[in-house]
Amino acid sequence: MKLTEWLVLYVRHKDMLDKKLVDHKEDGNMITFTYKDRNVVGIVQEQLEVVEIKGESVIATLHTKENVEYLANHWEQFTKHNDLTIIFAHPGRNEKLVIKPKTHATISENVVQGLWSLSQGVSYV
């Protein structure tokens, strides 16, 4: 399963109870999820990289050691965004690790060590 497909299914599944998701539109590696009360931009990146974030956004990336290391090395840049969620996914096994950098930075002093610990709970791609 492609990462784009996986993200759409994940978002639809998360909305099963709320039923606020109205539509989604794909444009390359970007997916706009339209809810009754807001829009969320989904960004699909097989290799994680810093991108311009505006508003509520979700980055879906493959759960690889390289991507976890990239997040650890660029942590400060990702924590600048209040409404950013990063999902490290293993689509073939339907496993994921969900990180909210701003929130995680607020509750933990040694985020990088904690990130590696959390990362061990999900299979690498």
N, C-alpha and C. Protein backbone atom coordinates (compact mmCIF):
# COMPACT_ATOMS: atom_id res chain seq x y z
N MET A 1 0.84 -1.18 0.00
CA MET A 1 0.00 0.00 0.00
C MET A 1 0.89 1.24 0.00
N LYS A 2 0.54 2.20 -0.83
CA LYS A 2 1.30 3.45 -0.89
C LYS A 2 1.01 4.29 0.34
N LEU A 3 1.96 5.14 0.69
CA LEU A 3 1.85 6.00 1.86
C LEU A 3 0.67 6.97 1.74
N THR A 4 0.41 7.45 0.54
CA THR A 4 -0.73 8.35 0.31
C THR A 4 -2.03 7.64 0.63
N GLU A 5 -2.18 6.44 0.11
CA GLU A 5 -3.38 5.63 0.39
C GLU A 5 -3.53 5.39 1.88
N TRP A 6 -2.42 5.03 2.52
CA TRP A 6 -2.44 4.73 3.94
C TRP A 6 -2.91 5.94 4.75
N LEU A 7 -2.42 7.14 4.41
CA LEU A 7 -2.80 8.35 5.14
C LEU A 7 -4.29 8.64 4.99
N VAL A 8 -4.81 8.49 3.79
CA VAL A 8 -6.25 8.73 3.58
C VAL A 8 -7.07 7.75 4.42
N LEU A 9 -6.69 6.48 4.39
CA LEU A 9 -7.43 5.48 5.19
C LEU A 9 -7.31 5.77 6.68
N TYR A 10 -6.13 6.18 7.13
CA TYR A 10 -5.91 6.51 8.54
C TYR A 10 -6.80 7.67 8.98
N VAL A 11 -6.83 8.74 8.18
CA VAL A 11 -7.65 9.90 8.53
C VAL A 11 -9.14 9.54 8.51
N ARG A 12 -9.56 8.79 7.54
CA ARG A 12 -10.98 8.38 7.48
C ARG A 12 -11.34 7.51 8.67
N HIS A 13 -10.44 6.63 9.05
CA HIS A 13 -10.69 5.76 10.20
C HIS A 13 -10.79 6.58 11.49
N LYS A 14 -9.89 7.55 11.66
CA LYS A 14 -9.92 8.40 12.86
C LYS A 14 -11.22 9.19 12.96
N ASP A 15 -11.86 9.45 11.82
CA ASP A 15 -13.08 10.26 11.78
C ASP A 15 -14.36 9.43 11.90
N MET A 16 -14.23 8.14 12.07
CA MET A 16 -15.42 7.28 12.07
C MET A 16 -16.46 7.69 13.11
N LEU A 17 -16.04 8.12 14.28
CA LEU A 17 -16.98 8.50 15.32
C LEU A 17 -17.47 9.94 15.17
N ASP A 18 -16.55 10.86 14.87
CA ASP A 18 -16.92 12.27 14.76
C ASP A 18 -17.73 12.57 13.50
N LYS A 19 -17.43 11.89 12.43
CA LYS A 19 -18.10 12.08 11.15
C LYS A 19 -18.08 13.54 10.69
N LYS A 20 -16.92 14.18 10.83
CA LYS A 20 -16.77 15.57 10.40
C LYS A 20 -16.02 15.71 9.09
N LEU A 21 -15.39 14.63 8.64
CA LEU A 21 -14.65 14.68 7.37
C LEU A 21 -15.65 14.73 6.22
N VAL A 22 -15.52 15.78 5.40
CA VAL A 22 -16.44 15.98 4.29
C VAL A 22 -15.84 15.46 2.99
N ASP A 23 -14.55 15.73 2.78
CA ASP A 23 -13.93 15.39 1.51
C ASP A 23 -12.41 15.43 1.66
N HIS A 24 -11.73 14.89 0.69
CA HIS A 24 -10.29 15.05 0.60
C HIS A 24 -9.90 15.16 -0.87
N LYS A 25 -8.87 15.98 -1.11
CA LYS A 25 -8.39 16.18 -2.48
C LYS A 25 -6.90 15.97 -2.51
N GLU A 26 -6.45 15.13 -3.42
CA GLU A 26 -5.02 14.84 -3.57
C GLU A 26 -4.43 15.68 -4.68
N ASP A 27 -3.25 16.21 -4.42
CA ASP A 27 -2.51 16.97 -5.42
C ASP A 27 -1.03 16.64 -5.23
N GLY A 28 -0.57 15.62 -5.94
CA GLY A 28 0.81 15.17 -5.78
C GLY A 28 1.01 14.58 -4.39
N ASN A 29 1.96 15.13 -3.64
CA ASN A 29 2.22 14.61 -2.30
C ASN A 29 1.44 15.38 -1.22
N MET A 30 0.50 16.23 -1.66
CA MET A 30 -0.33 17.00 -0.73
C MET A 30 -1.77 16.50 -0.79
N ILE A 31 -2.37 16.40 0.39
CA ILE A 31 -3.78 16.02 0.46
C ILE A 31 -4.47 17.03 1.37
N THR A 32 -5.53 17.65 0.88
CA THR A 32 -6.30 18.56 1.71
C THR A 32 -7.51 17.81 2.22
N PHE A 33 -7.59 17.70 3.55
CA PHE A 33 -8.74 17.05 4.19
C PHE A 33 -9.69 18.16 4.64
N THR A 34 -10.89 18.13 4.10
CA THR A 34 -11.89 19.15 4.44
C THR A 34 -12.86 18.56 5.46
N TYR A 35 -12.89 19.18 6.62
CA TYR A 35 -13.81 18.80 7.69
C TYR A 35 -14.92 19.85 7.75
N LYS A 36 -15.97 19.58 8.47
CA LYS A 36 -17.06 20.53 8.63
C LYS A 36 -16.60 21.83 9.28
N ASP A 37 -15.58 21.75 10.14
CA ASP A 37 -15.16 22.91 10.91
C ASP A 37 -13.72 23.38 10.65
N ARG A 38 -12.98 22.72 9.74
CA ARG A 38 -11.60 23.10 9.50
C ARG A 38 -11.03 22.35 8.29
N ASN A 39 -9.87 22.78 7.86
CA ASN A 39 -9.11 22.08 6.82
C ASN A 39 -7.79 21.62 7.42
N VAL A 40 -7.34 20.45 7.02
CA VAL A 40 -6.06 19.92 7.45
C VAL A 40 -5.27 19.54 6.20
N VAL A 41 -4.02 19.98 6.16
CA VAL A 41 -3.17 19.65 5.02
C VAL A 41 -2.34 18.42 5.36
N GLY A 42 -2.43 17.40 4.53
CA GLY A 42 -1.62 16.20 4.67
C GLY A 42 -0.46 16.28 3.70
N ILE A 43 0.73 16.02 4.21
CA ILE A 43 1.93 16.05 3.38
C ILE A 43 2.56 14.67 3.44
N VAL A 44 2.70 14.04 2.30
CA VAL A 44 3.25 12.69 2.23
C VAL A 44 4.71 12.79 1.79
N GLN A 45 5.60 12.27 2.64
CA GLN A 45 7.03 12.31 2.35
C GLN A 45 7.64 10.95 2.70
N GLU A 46 8.09 10.22 1.71
CA GLU A 46 8.76 8.96 2.03
C GLU A 46 10.04 9.23 2.81
N GLN A 47 10.72 10.32 2.46
CA GLN A 47 11.90 10.76 3.21
C GLN A 47 11.55 12.08 3.86
N LEU A 48 11.59 12.10 5.17
CA LEU A 48 11.20 13.28 5.93
C LEU A 48 12.11 14.47 5.61
N GLU A 49 11.51 15.64 5.46
CA GLU A 49 12.28 16.87 5.29
C GLU A 49 11.46 18.03 5.83
N VAL A 50 12.16 19.10 6.17
CA VAL A 50 11.50 20.30 6.67
C VAL A 50 10.80 20.98 5.50
N VAL A 51 9.53 21.29 5.67
CA VAL A 51 8.76 21.99 4.64
C VAL A 51 8.02 23.15 5.30
N GLU A 52 7.55 24.05 4.48
CA GLU A 52 6.77 25.17 4.99
C GLU A 52 5.41 24.65 5.46
N ILE A 53 5.06 24.99 6.68
CA ILE A 53 3.81 24.54 7.28
C ILE A 53 2.92 25.75 7.52
N LYS A 54 1.68 25.66 7.08
CA LYS A 54 0.70 26.71 7.35
C LYS A 54 -0.56 26.05 7.89
N GLY A 55 -0.96 26.42 9.08
CA GLY A 55 -2.18 25.88 9.67
C GLY A 55 -1.99 24.45 10.14
N GLU A 56 -3.10 23.79 10.38
CA GLU A 56 -3.08 22.41 10.89
C GLU A 56 -2.58 21.48 9.79
N SER A 57 -1.52 20.74 10.10
CA SER A 57 -0.90 19.88 9.09
C SER A 57 -0.48 18.54 9.68
N VAL A 58 -0.46 17.55 8.81
CA VAL A 58 0.00 16.20 9.16
C VAL A 58 1.03 15.79 8.12
N ILE A 59 2.20 15.40 8.61
CA ILE A 59 3.21 14.84 7.71
C ILE A 59 3.21 13.33 7.92
N ALA A 60 3.00 12.59 6.86
CA ALA A 60 3.09 11.13 6.91
C ALA A 60 4.39 10.73 6.24
N THR A 61 5.21 9.99 6.96
CA THR A 61 6.49 9.57 6.42
C THR A 61 6.72 8.10 6.78
N LEU A 62 7.58 7.44 6.04
CA LEU A 62 7.87 6.05 6.35
C LEU A 62 8.66 5.95 7.65
N HIS A 63 8.42 4.90 8.39
CA HIS A 63 9.13 4.71 9.65
C HIS A 63 10.45 4.00 9.35
N THR A 64 11.45 4.84 9.09
CA THR A 64 12.81 4.34 8.86
C THR A 64 13.74 4.99 9.88
N LYS A 65 14.87 4.35 10.11
CA LYS A 65 15.86 4.93 11.02
C LYS A 65 16.31 6.30 10.52
N GLU A 66 16.45 6.44 9.21
CA GLU A 66 16.89 7.70 8.63
C GLU A 66 15.88 8.82 8.91
N ASN A 67 14.60 8.52 8.80
CA ASN A 67 13.58 9.54 9.04
C ASN A 67 13.51 9.93 10.52
N VAL A 68 13.65 8.96 11.41
CA VAL A 68 13.66 9.26 12.84
C VAL A 68 14.89 10.10 13.17
N GLU A 69 16.02 9.75 12.59
CA GLU A 69 17.25 10.51 12.80
C GLU A 69 17.11 11.93 12.27
N TYR A 70 16.47 12.07 11.12
CA TYR A 70 16.26 13.41 10.54
C TYR A 70 15.42 14.26 11.49
N LEU A 71 14.35 13.70 12.03
CA LEU A 71 13.53 14.44 12.98
C LEU A 71 14.34 14.85 14.20
N ALA A 72 15.12 13.92 14.72
CA ALA A 72 15.95 14.22 15.90
C ALA A 72 16.94 15.35 15.59
N ASN A 73 17.54 15.33 14.41
CA ASN A 73 18.54 16.34 14.04
C ASN A 73 17.93 17.70 13.72
N HIS A 74 16.66 17.72 13.36
CA HIS A 74 15.98 18.97 12.97
C HIS A 74 14.82 19.28 13.91
N TRP A 75 14.89 18.76 15.12
CA TRP A 75 13.80 18.86 16.08
C TRP A 75 13.31 20.29 16.27
N GLU A 76 14.23 21.22 16.45
CA GLU A 76 13.84 22.62 16.73
C GLU A 76 12.99 23.20 15.61
N GLN A 77 13.30 22.86 14.37
CA GLN A 77 12.53 23.38 13.24
C GLN A 77 11.10 22.85 13.24
N PHE A 78 10.93 21.60 13.63
CA PHE A 78 9.59 21.02 13.65
C PHE A 78 8.76 21.51 14.84
N THR A 79 9.41 21.87 15.94
CA THR A 79 8.67 22.32 17.13
C THR A 79 8.13 23.74 17.00
N LYS A 80 8.47 24.44 15.96
CA LYS A 80 7.99 25.81 15.75
C LYS A 80 6.50 25.85 15.38
N HIS A 81 5.95 24.73 14.99
CA HIS A 81 4.58 24.68 14.48
C HIS A 81 3.63 24.07 15.51
N ASN A 82 2.67 24.87 15.95
CA ASN A 82 1.74 24.42 16.99
C ASN A 82 0.84 23.28 16.54
N ASP A 83 0.42 23.30 15.29
CA ASP A 83 -0.58 22.33 14.82
C ASP A 83 0.00 21.30 13.86
N LEU A 84 1.21 20.86 14.13
CA LEU A 84 1.86 19.86 13.28
C LEU A 84 1.86 18.50 13.95
N THR A 85 1.46 17.50 13.19
CA THR A 85 1.53 16.11 13.62
C THR A 85 2.41 15.37 12.61
N ILE A 86 3.31 14.55 13.11
CA ILE A 86 4.15 13.72 12.22
C ILE A 86 3.81 12.27 12.51
N ILE A 87 3.50 11.54 11.46
CA ILE A 87 3.17 10.12 11.61
C ILE A 87 4.24 9.31 10.90
N PHE A 88 4.96 8.51 11.66
CA PHE A 88 5.90 7.55 11.10
C PHE A 88 5.10 6.27 10.87
N ALA A 89 4.98 5.87 9.62
CA ALA A 89 4.10 4.74 9.30
C ALA A 89 4.86 3.58 8.68
N HIS A 90 4.36 2.39 8.99
CA HIS A 90 4.79 1.17 8.30
C HIS A 90 3.52 0.64 7.65
N PRO A 91 3.20 1.13 6.42
CA PRO A 91 1.92 0.79 5.79
C PRO A 91 1.67 -0.70 5.63
N GLY A 92 2.71 -1.48 5.35
CA GLY A 92 2.54 -2.92 5.15
C GLY A 92 2.08 -3.65 6.39
N ARG A 93 2.40 -3.11 7.55
CA ARG A 93 2.01 -3.75 8.81
C ARG A 93 0.95 -2.96 9.56
N ASN A 94 0.53 -1.83 8.98
CA ASN A 94 -0.43 -0.92 9.59
C ASN A 94 0.00 -0.52 11.00
N GLU A 95 1.28 -0.20 11.14
CA GLU A 95 1.82 0.28 12.41
C GLU A 95 2.19 1.74 12.24
N LYS A 96 2.13 2.48 13.33
CA LYS A 96 2.43 3.90 13.25
C LYS A 96 2.94 4.42 14.57
N LEU A 97 3.65 5.53 14.49
CA LEU A 97 4.11 6.28 15.65
C LEU A 97 3.71 7.72 15.37
N VAL A 98 2.89 8.29 16.26
CA VAL A 98 2.39 9.65 16.06
C VAL A 98 3.11 10.59 17.01
N ILE A 99 3.70 11.64 16.44
CA ILE A 99 4.46 12.62 17.21
C ILE A 99 3.86 14.00 16.96
N LYS A 100 3.65 14.74 18.02
CA LYS A 100 3.26 16.15 17.93
C LYS A 100 4.43 16.94 18.51
N PRO A 101 5.34 17.40 17.65
CA PRO A 101 6.59 18.00 18.13
C PRO A 101 6.42 19.09 19.18
N LYS A 102 5.51 20.02 18.97
CA LYS A 102 5.34 21.13 19.93
C LYS A 102 4.91 20.58 21.30
N THR A 103 4.00 19.65 21.32
CA THR A 103 3.52 19.06 22.58
C THR A 103 4.60 18.24 23.23
N HIS A 104 5.28 17.41 22.46
CA HIS A 104 6.34 16.57 23.02
C HIS A 104 7.49 17.41 23.58
N ALA A 105 7.80 18.52 22.92
CA ALA A 105 8.87 19.39 23.40
C ALA A 105 8.48 20.05 24.73
N THR A 106 7.19 20.29 24.92
CA THR A 106 6.70 20.92 26.14
C THR A 106 6.75 19.99 27.33
N ILE A 107 6.51 18.70 27.11
CA ILE A 107 6.39 17.77 28.24
C ILE A 107 7.67 16.99 28.54
N SER A 108 8.68 17.12 27.71
CA SER A 108 9.89 16.34 27.94
C SER A 108 11.14 17.17 27.66
N GLU A 109 12.12 17.01 28.52
CA GLU A 109 13.38 17.74 28.33
C GLU A 109 14.30 17.01 27.36
N ASN A 110 14.33 15.68 27.40
CA ASN A 110 15.21 14.93 26.52
C ASN A 110 14.37 14.22 25.46
N VAL A 111 13.86 15.01 24.54
CA VAL A 111 12.95 14.49 23.52
C VAL A 111 13.65 13.51 22.58
N VAL A 112 14.88 13.80 22.22
CA VAL A 112 15.58 12.95 21.25
C VAL A 112 15.73 11.53 21.79
N GLN A 113 16.12 11.39 23.02
CA GLN A 113 16.24 10.05 23.62
C GLN A 113 14.87 9.37 23.68
N GLY A 114 13.85 10.13 24.06
CA GLY A 114 12.50 9.58 24.12
C GLY A 114 11.99 9.19 22.75
N LEU A 115 12.34 9.97 21.73
CA LEU A 115 11.94 9.66 20.36
C LEU A 115 12.49 8.32 19.92
N TRP A 116 13.77 8.07 20.22
CA TRP A 116 14.37 6.78 19.86
C TRP A 116 13.71 5.64 20.63
N SER A 117 13.35 5.87 21.88
CA SER A 117 12.68 4.83 22.68
C SER A 117 11.31 4.52 22.10
N LEU A 118 10.54 5.56 21.79
CA LEU A 118 9.22 5.36 21.19
C LEU A 118 9.31 4.65 19.85
N SER A 119 10.33 5.02 19.09
CA SER A 119 10.52 4.48 17.76
C SER A 119 10.73 2.96 17.76
N GLN A 120 11.27 2.43 18.83
CA GLN A 120 11.53 0.99 18.91
C GLN A 120 10.25 0.16 18.96
N GLY A 121 9.12 0.80 19.29
CA GLY A 121 7.86 0.07 19.40
C GLY A 121 7.17 -0.19 18.07
N VAL A 122 7.68 0.38 16.99
CA VAL A 122 7.10 0.21 15.67
C VAL A 122 8.16 -0.36 14.74
N SER A 123 7.78 -1.33 13.94
CA SER A 123 8.73 -1.93 13.00
C SER A 123 9.21 -0.92 11.97
N TYR A 124 10.49 -0.99 11.63
CA TYR A 124 11.01 -0.14 10.57
C TYR A 124 10.64 -0.72 9.21
N VAL A 125 10.48 0.18 8.24
CA VAL A 125 10.14 -0.23 6.88
C VAL A 125 11.41 -0.78 6.23
